[in-house]
C-alpha atoms as a PDB file:
ATOM      1  CA  MET A   1       0.057  -0.093   0.011  1.00  0.00           C
ATOM      2  CA  GLN A   2       1.348   3.515  -1.274  1.00  0.00           C
ATOM      3  CA  MET A   3       1.248   5.488   1.605  1.00  0.00           C
ATOM      4  CA  ARG A   4       1.562   9.742   1.438  1.00  0.00           C
ATOM      5  CA  GLU A   5       4.191  11.118   4.073  1.00  0.00           C
ATOM      6  CA  GLY A   6       2.710  12.820   6.979  1.00  0.00           C
ATOM      7  CA  MET A   7      -0.658  10.651   7.063  1.00  0.00           C
ATOM      8  CA  ILE A   8      -1.927   9.654  10.462  1.00  0.00           C
ATOM      9  CA  PRO A   9      -4.830   7.130  10.880  1.00  0.00           C
ATOM     10  CA  SER A  10      -8.404   8.806  11.912  1.00  0.00           C
ATOM     11  CA  ILE A  11     -11.009   6.486  11.545  1.00  0.00           C
ATOM     12  CA  THR A  12     -10.295   2.872  11.773  1.00  0.00           C
ATOM     13  CA  LYS A  13     -11.999   0.096   9.424  1.00  0.00           C
ATOM     14  CA  ASP A  14     -13.865  -1.112  12.604  1.00  0.00           C
ATOM     15  CA  GLU A  15     -15.465   2.432  13.599  1.00  0.00           C
ATOM     16  CA  ILE A  16     -16.361   2.914   9.789  1.00  0.00           C
ATOM     17  CA  ASP A  17     -17.679  -0.800   9.596  1.00  0.00           C
ATOM     18  CA  ALA A  18     -20.071   0.431  12.844  1.00  0.00           C
ATOM     19  CA  MET A  19     -21.044   3.970  11.091  1.00  0.00           C
ATOM     20  CA  VAL A  20     -22.182   1.628   8.253  1.00  0.00           C
ATOM     21  CA  SER A  21     -24.231  -0.716  10.103  1.00  0.00           C
ATOM     22  CA  GLU A  22     -26.003   2.297  12.243  1.00  0.00           C
ATOM     23  CA  LEU A  23     -26.706   4.246   9.289  1.00  0.00           C
ATOM     24  CA  ALA A  24     -27.719   1.083   7.730  1.00  0.00           C
ATOM     25  CA  ALA A  25     -30.039   0.513  10.860  1.00  0.00           C
ATOM     26  CA  GLU A  26     -31.752   3.899  10.549  1.00  0.00           C
ATOM     27  CA  ILE A  27     -32.780   3.857   7.013  1.00  0.00           C
ATOM     28  CA  SER A  28     -34.320   0.503   7.337  1.00  0.00           C
ATOM     29  CA  LYS A  29     -35.999   1.812  10.054  1.00  0.00           C
ATOM     30  CA  ASP A  30     -37.416   4.613   8.340  1.00  0.00           C
ATOM     31  CA  TYR A  31     -38.079   3.410   5.130  1.00  0.00           C
ATOM     32  CA  ASP A  32     -39.843  -0.150   6.470  1.00  0.00           C
ATOM     33  CA  GLY A  33     -41.854  -1.896   3.319  1.00  0.00           C
ATOM     34  CA  LYS A  34     -40.157   0.452   1.586  1.00  0.00           C
ATOM     35  CA  GLU A  35     -38.464  -0.056  -1.904  1.00  0.00           C
ATOM     36  CA  LEU A  36     -35.380   2.282  -2.232  1.00  0.00           C
ATOM     37  CA  VAL A  37     -32.955   3.451  -4.924  1.00  0.00           C
ATOM     38  CA  LEU A  38     -29.466   4.224  -4.133  1.00  0.00           C
ATOM     39  CA  ILE A  39     -27.633   6.552  -6.091  1.00  0.00           C
ATOM     40  CA  CYS A  40     -23.954   6.372  -6.350  1.00  0.00           C
ATOM     41  CA  PRO A  41     -22.381   9.399  -6.924  1.00  0.00           C
ATOM     42  CA  LEU A  42     -18.599   7.910  -8.539  1.00  0.00           C
ATOM     43  CA  LYS A  43     -16.145   7.017  -7.846  1.00  0.00           C
ATOM     44  CA  GLY A  44     -15.614   8.351  -4.434  1.00  0.00           C
ATOM     45  CA  SER A  45     -18.667   6.859  -2.775  1.00  0.00           C
ATOM     46  CA  VAL A  46     -18.412   3.131  -3.781  1.00  0.00           C
ATOM     47  CA  LEU A  47     -16.841   1.873  -1.334  1.00  0.00           C
ATOM     48  CA  PHE A  48     -19.843   2.799   1.020  1.00  0.00           C
ATOM     49  CA  MET A  49     -22.029   2.033  -1.180  1.00  0.00           C
ATOM     50  CA  ALA A  50     -21.299  -1.508  -1.716  1.00  0.00           C
ATOM     51  CA  ASP A  51     -20.878  -2.192   2.475  1.00  0.00           C
ATOM     52  CA  LEU A  52     -24.157   0.075   3.017  1.00  0.00           C
ATOM     53  CA  CYS A  53     -26.695  -1.798   0.454  1.00  0.00           C
ATOM     54  CA  ARG A  54     -25.848  -5.108   1.751  1.00  0.00           C
ATOM     55  CA  LYS A  55     -26.616  -4.012   5.361  1.00  0.00           C
ATOM     56  CA  ILE A  56     -29.690  -2.243   3.992  1.00  0.00           C
ATOM     57  CA  LYS A  57     -32.565  -4.894   4.994  1.00  0.00           C
ATOM     58  CA  LEU A  58     -35.113  -3.513   2.186  1.00  0.00           C
ATOM     59  CA  PRO A  59     -35.299  -3.978  -1.459  1.00  0.00           C
ATOM     60  CA  GLN A  60     -33.649  -1.979  -3.669  1.00  0.00           C
ATOM     61  CA  MET A  61     -31.715  -0.862  -7.093  1.00  0.00           C
ATOM     62  CA  ILE A  62     -28.587   1.040  -7.249  1.00  0.00           C
ATOM     63  CA  ASP A  63     -27.312   3.321 -10.019  1.00  0.00           C
ATOM     64  CA  PHE A  64     -24.444   5.228 -10.367  1.00  0.00           C
ATOM     65  CA  VAL A  65     -23.872   8.971 -11.595  1.00  0.00           C
ATOM     66  CA  TYR A  66     -20.540  10.462 -12.497  1.00  0.00           C
ATOM     67  CA  ILE A  67     -20.467  14.169 -11.992  1.00  0.00           C
ATOM     68  CA  THR A  68     -17.536  16.484 -12.766  1.00  0.00           C
ATOM     69  CA  SER A  69     -16.994  19.980 -10.503  1.00  0.00           C
ATOM     70  CA  PRO A  70     -13.575  21.307 -11.059  1.00  0.00           C
ATOM     71  CA  LYS A  71     -12.689  24.093  -9.434  1.00  0.00           C
ATOM     72  CA  GLY A  72     -14.190  27.612 -10.294  1.00  0.00           C
ATOM     73  CA  GLU A  73     -16.203  25.688 -13.045  1.00  0.00           C
ATOM     74  CA  SER A  74     -19.655  24.661 -13.298  1.00  0.00           C
ATOM     75  CA  CYS A  75     -20.859  21.167 -12.476  1.00  0.00           C
ATOM     76  CA  ARG A  76     -20.728  18.534 -15.285  1.00  0.00           C
ATOM     77  CA  ILE A  77     -22.652  15.205 -15.803  1.00  0.00           C
ATOM     78  CA  ILE A  78     -20.208  13.000 -17.586  1.00  0.00           C
ATOM     79  CA  ARG A  79     -22.756   9.719 -16.806  1.00  0.00           C
ATOM     80  CA  ASP A  80     -26.482  10.097 -15.709  1.00  0.00           C
ATOM     81  CA  ILE A  81     -28.362   7.956 -13.711  1.00  0.00           C
ATOM     82  CA  SER A  82     -30.268   5.099 -16.120  1.00  0.00           C
ATOM     83  CA  VAL A  83     -33.211   4.046 -13.705  1.00  0.00           C
ATOM     84  CA  ASP A  84     -36.624   5.950 -13.606  1.00  0.00           C
ATOM     85  CA  ILE A  85     -36.541   7.463 -10.148  1.00  0.00           C
ATOM     86  CA  GLN A  86     -40.583   8.479 -10.758  1.00  0.00           C
ATOM     87  CA  GLY A  87     -42.297   7.576  -7.260  1.00  0.00           C
ATOM     88  CA  LYS A  88     -39.531   6.511  -5.602  1.00  0.00           C
ATOM     89  CA  HIS A  89     -37.552   6.757  -2.594  1.00  0.00           C
ATOM     90  CA  VAL A  90     -34.153   7.889  -3.636  1.00  0.00           C
ATOM     91  CA  LEU A  91     -30.894   8.183  -1.434  1.00  0.00           C
ATOM     92  CA  ILE A  92     -27.988   9.821  -2.681  1.00  0.00           C
ATOM     93  CA  ILE A  93     -24.439   7.634  -0.646  1.00  0.00           C
ATOM     94  CA  GLU A  94     -22.123  10.226  -0.298  1.00  0.00           C
ATOM     95  CA  GLU A  95     -18.523   9.207   1.325  1.00  0.00           C
ATOM     96  CA  ILE A  96     -18.054  12.990   2.076  1.00  0.00           C
ATOM     97  CA  ILE A  97     -19.867  16.112   1.955  1.00  0.00           C
ATOM     98  CA  ASP A  98     -17.679  19.770   2.079  1.00  0.00           C
ATOM     99  CA  ALA A  99     -18.689  22.382  -0.119  1.00  0.00           C
ATOM    100  CA  GLY A 100     -21.395  20.913  -1.334  1.00  0.00           C
ATOM    101  CA  ARG A 101     -21.815  22.534  -4.599  1.00  0.00           C
ATOM    102  CA  THR A 102     -21.671  18.543  -6.867  1.00  0.00           C
ATOM    103  CA  LEU A 103     -24.298  17.631  -4.040  1.00  0.00           C
ATOM    104  CA  SER A 104     -26.687  20.647  -4.443  1.00  0.00           C
ATOM    105  CA  PHE A 105     -26.506  20.561  -7.866  1.00  0.00           C
ATOM    106  CA  LEU A 106     -27.019  16.424  -8.106  1.00  0.00           C
ATOM    107  CA  LYS A 107     -30.121  17.108  -5.773  1.00  0.00           C
ATOM    108  CA  SER A 108     -31.514  19.668  -8.431  1.00  0.00           C
ATOM    109  CA  ARG A 109     -31.508  17.243 -11.355  1.00  0.00           C
ATOM    110  CA  LEU A 110     -32.542  14.584  -9.438  1.00  0.00           C
ATOM    111  CA  MET A 111     -35.745  16.503  -7.921  1.00  0.00           C
ATOM    112  CA  ALA A 112     -36.407  16.781 -11.910  1.00  0.00           C
ATOM    113  CA  SER A 113     -37.485  13.170 -12.038  1.00  0.00           C
ATOM    114  CA  TYR A 114     -39.870  13.571  -9.281  1.00  0.00           C
ATOM    115  CA  PRO A 115     -38.924  11.002  -6.825  1.00  0.00           C
ATOM    116  CA  ALA A 116     -41.815  10.362  -4.134  1.00  0.00           C
ATOM    117  CA  SER A 117     -38.389  11.259  -1.545  1.00  0.00           C
ATOM    118  CA  LEU A 118     -34.988  12.121  -1.974  1.00  0.00           C
ATOM    119  CA  LYS A 119     -32.657  12.164   0.720  1.00  0.00           C
ATOM    120  CA  VAL A 120     -28.774  12.273   1.532  1.00  0.00           C
ATOM    121  CA  VAL A 121     -26.483   9.602   3.437  1.00  0.00           C
ATOM    122  CA  ALA A 122     -23.267  10.681   4.043  1.00  0.00           C
ATOM    123  CA  LEU A 123     -20.660   8.893   5.616  1.00  0.00           C
ATOM    124  CA  LEU A 124     -18.650  12.036   6.704  1.00  0.00           C
ATOM    125  CA  ASP A 125     -19.719  15.885   6.940  1.00  0.00           C
ATOM    126  CA  LYS A 126     -17.345  18.295   6.901  1.00  0.00           C
ATOM    127  CA  PRO A 127     -19.470  21.390   7.717  1.00  0.00           C
ATOM    128  CA  ALA A 128     -16.477  24.103   7.882  1.00  0.00           C
ATOM    129  CA  LEU A 129     -16.353  23.913   4.390  1.00  0.00           C
ATOM    130  CA  ARG A 130     -19.719  23.924   3.098  1.00  0.00           C
ATOM    131  CA  GLU A 131     -20.436  26.925   0.338  1.00  0.00           C
ATOM    132  CA  LEU A 132     -24.035  26.412   0.252  1.00  0.00           C
ATOM    133  CA  PRO A 133     -26.827  25.427   2.541  1.00  0.00           C
ATOM    134  CA  ILE A 134     -27.235  21.654   2.090  1.00  0.00           C
ATOM    135  CA  MET A 135     -27.247  19.150   5.438  1.00  0.00           C
ATOM    136  CA  PRO A 136     -27.345  15.249   4.462  1.00  0.00           C
ATOM    137  CA  ASP A 137     -30.285  12.869   6.267  1.00  0.00           C
ATOM    138  CA  TYR A 138     -27.959  11.079   7.788  1.00  0.00           C
ATOM    139  CA  VAL A 139     -24.335  11.219   9.005  1.00  0.00           C
ATOM    140  CA  GLY A 140     -22.060   8.801  10.046  1.00  0.00           C
ATOM    141  CA  ARG A 141     -19.756  11.130  11.406  1.00  0.00           C
ATOM    142  CA  THR A 142     -19.066  15.133  11.678  1.00  0.00           C
ATOM    143  CA  ILE A 143     -14.927  15.788  10.999  1.00  0.00           C
ATOM    144  CA  GLU A 144     -13.173  18.759  11.430  1.00  0.00           C
ATOM    145  CA  ASP A 145     -11.563  20.549   8.227  1.00  0.00           C
ATOM    146  CA  ARG A 146      -8.627  18.127   7.314  1.00  0.00           C
ATOM    147  CA  PHE A 147      -8.047  16.425   4.043  1.00  0.00           C
ATOM    148  CA  VAL A 148      -8.924  12.866   4.333  1.00  0.00           C
ATOM    149  CA  ILE A 149      -8.382  10.030   2.155  1.00  0.00           C
ATOM    150  CA  GLY A 150      -9.041   6.226   2.508  1.00  0.00           C
ATOM    151  CA  TYR A 151     -12.143   4.401   2.057  1.00  0.00           C
ATOM    152  CA  GLY A 152     -13.023   5.690  -1.073  1.00  0.00           C
ATOM    153  CA  MET A 153     -11.590   8.951  -1.167  1.00  0.00           C
ATOM    154  CA  ASP A 154      -8.554   9.567  -2.442  1.00  0.00           C
ATOM    155  CA  SER A 155      -5.305  12.029  -2.981  1.00  0.00           C
ATOM    156  CA  GLU A 156      -4.640  12.413  -6.843  1.00  0.00           C
ATOM    157  CA  GLU A 157      -6.010   8.492  -7.363  1.00  0.00           C
ATOM    158  CA  ILE A 158      -4.209   7.170  -4.212  1.00  0.00           C
ATOM    159  CA  GLY A 159      -5.831   6.105  -1.311  1.00  0.00           C
ATOM    160  CA  ARG A 160      -9.166   4.873  -2.242  1.00  0.00           C
ATOM    161  CA  ASN A 161      -8.284   1.086  -1.644  1.00  0.00           C
ATOM    162  CA  TYR A 162      -7.138   2.148   1.978  1.00  0.00           C
ATOM    163  CA  THR A 163      -9.297   0.137   4.590  1.00  0.00           C
ATOM    164  CA  ASP A 164      -8.605   3.299   7.016  1.00  0.00           C
ATOM    165  CA  ILE A 165      -9.526   6.651   6.784  1.00  0.00           C
ATOM    166  CA  TYR A 166      -6.378   8.899   7.210  1.00  0.00           C
ATOM    167  CA  ASN A 167      -5.974  12.633   7.356  1.00  0.00           C
ATOM    168  CA  PHE A 168      -2.697  14.620   7.331  1.00  0.00           C
ATOM    169  CA  ALA A 169      -0.955  16.346  10.265  1.00  0.00           C
ATOM    170  CA  GLN A 170      -1.166  19.960  10.270  1.00  0.00           C
END
């Protein structure tokens, strides 16, 4: 495993598993008897989505969206969802929310398809960097303003495969 200099462990694999289990239990309870559509923004949310969907004990469909949002530029859809979400209960599965620009764009895009409900699940929430007033409906953990990698989150495509989450010493 290639490690970057200055990385320190922040959240262990076991802590991540516990957060995912708690989120899945809460979602399963809130949507009891309903079918869900889980939308996974690529690439960072893939590991979280895989773990979460297996722990949610409800009928579900899974789809993926790929949105790019380079700094200073507007968001652009590279790959849109392929599932019809009209009248369905939709959850956006985010590994981390910081500025909120891409999430806000995605929510607007999905609302245009008239879902029965639309909520956001975030493993990590970093409100200190929020540029738009958007809040997740389900949160694994709120973190301080530090750059994190691991469990799907990367630094120049390195670190997505780490089982733990790391941040950098300041």
